[in-house]
Protein backbone atom coordinates (compact mmCIF):
# COMPACT_ATOMS: atom_id res chain seq x y z
CA MET A 1 55.36 100.31 85.70
CA SER A 2 53.89 98.82 88.27
CA ARG A 3 54.02 95.11 88.86
CA VAL A 4 50.63 94.19 88.33
CA CYS A 5 49.14 91.39 85.57
CA GLU A 6 46.77 93.52 83.45
CA LEU A 7 44.14 90.44 83.15
CA THR A 8 44.20 88.84 86.40
CA GLY A 9 45.45 91.76 88.79
CA LYS A 10 47.96 89.35 90.54
CA ARG A 11 50.04 91.92 92.47
CA VAL A 12 53.26 92.22 94.50
CA MET A 13 52.67 90.48 97.88
CA THR A 14 54.76 91.04 101.35
CA GLY A 15 55.99 88.92 104.04
CA ASN A 16 58.98 87.65 105.95
CA ASN A 17 62.14 85.63 105.63
CA VAL A 18 62.61 83.90 108.56
CA SER A 19 65.96 82.62 109.76
CA HIS A 20 67.13 79.62 111.78
CA ALA A 21 67.25 81.76 114.76
CA HIS A 22 63.63 82.78 114.12
CA ASN A 23 64.50 86.37 113.10
CA LYS A 24 61.73 88.18 110.92
CA THR A 25 62.96 90.30 108.35
CA ARG A 26 60.52 92.04 105.90
CA ARG A 27 60.45 91.00 101.82
CA ARG A 28 58.48 91.05 98.60
CA PHE A 29 56.90 88.50 96.65
CA LEU A 30 57.16 89.70 93.13
CA PRO A 31 54.80 87.77 90.47
CA ASN A 32 56.22 85.86 87.71
CA LEU A 33 55.48 88.70 85.04
CA THR A 34 56.07 88.41 81.05
CA LYS A 35 55.73 90.67 78.09
CA ALA A 36 53.11 88.36 75.32
CA THR A 37 51.33 89.22 72.13
CA LEU A 38 47.77 87.53 72.36
CA LEU A 39 45.67 87.23 69.22
CA SER A 40 42.06 88.31 69.42
CA ASP A 41 39.63 86.39 67.08
CA ALA A 42 36.77 88.59 66.84
CA LEU A 43 39.00 91.74 66.44
CA GLY A 44 41.48 90.08 64.20
CA ARG A 45 44.45 91.70 65.32
CA SER A 46 47.39 91.21 68.17
CA VAL A 47 47.57 92.78 71.44
CA SER A 48 50.31 93.13 73.74
CA PHE A 49 50.18 92.91 77.52
CA LYS A 50 52.31 92.45 80.53
CA LEU A 51 51.19 89.19 82.01
CA SER A 52 51.52 86.86 84.72
CA THR A 53 52.57 83.31 83.36
CA HIS A 54 48.91 81.86 85.28
CA ALA A 55 47.26 84.10 83.25
CA LEU A 56 49.09 83.19 80.31
CA ARG A 57 47.53 79.54 81.03
CA SER A 58 44.32 80.76 82.06
CA VAL A 59 43.76 82.25 78.43
CA GLU A 60 45.02 79.27 76.49
CA HIS A 61 42.83 76.91 78.92
CA ASN A 62 39.64 79.32 78.13
CA ASP A 63 40.62 78.49 74.41
CA GLY A 64 41.72 82.17 73.82
CA LEU A 65 42.10 85.56 74.59
CA ASP A 66 38.15 86.38 73.88
CA ASN A 67 36.79 83.86 75.70
CA PHE A 68 39.00 84.61 78.70
CA LEU A 69 37.97 88.50 78.66
CA LEU A 70 34.40 88.03 78.49
CA LYS A 71 34.30 85.33 81.63
CA GLN A 72 36.66 87.56 83.46
CA ARG A 73 35.37 90.67 86.43
CA ASP A 74 36.00 94.18 85.36
CA ASP A 75 37.55 94.37 88.84
CA ASN A 76 40.81 92.32 88.01
CA LEU A 77 40.83 93.98 84.42
CA SER A 78 43.23 96.82 83.63
CA PRO A 79 41.69 99.86 81.82
CA LYS A 80 43.61 98.74 78.71
CA ALA A 81 41.96 95.26 79.08
CA GLN A 82 38.42 96.59 79.78
CA LYS A 83 38.65 98.55 76.93
CA LEU A 84 39.38 95.50 74.69
CA LYS A 85 36.75 93.75 76.43
CA LYS A 86 34.37 96.54 75.13
CA GLU A 87 35.69 96.46 71.76
CA ILE A 88 35.25 92.60 71.78
CA LYS A 89 31.80 92.55 73.22
CA LYS A 90 30.82 94.97 70.51
CA ALA A 91 32.21 92.86 67.62
CA VAL A 92 30.69 89.88 68.86
CA SER A 93 27.10 91.05 69.06
CA GLU A 94 27.58 92.62 65.63
CA LYS A 95 28.60 89.21 64.21
CA SER A 96 25.83 87.51 65.83
CA VAL A 97 23.34 90.32 64.16
CA GLN A 98 24.74 89.41 60.75
CA LYS A 99 24.36 86.03 60.90
CA THR A 100 20.76 86.29 61.66
CA VAL A 101 19.86 88.37 59.14
């Protein structure tokens, strides 16, 4: 699997190691990825993702996975996360229709 966060799109960056003699050699900066299982309140089930720790903190800051996904642009999301976002939108709209009836 590639080293890409499924929610934020954060991926590997490249740069240089620079020695004291100012020799430059190429290196990779890897994102801090972890496997995490998050709970979706709208769907009532848990979903596992490969997340950066930055994304995990952002999910907590936005009061859960559902709010985070609804605010996030589709460009950054993985296909799995885009599908989940679509399901959450549908579930939220159905709940709002039931409340009005």
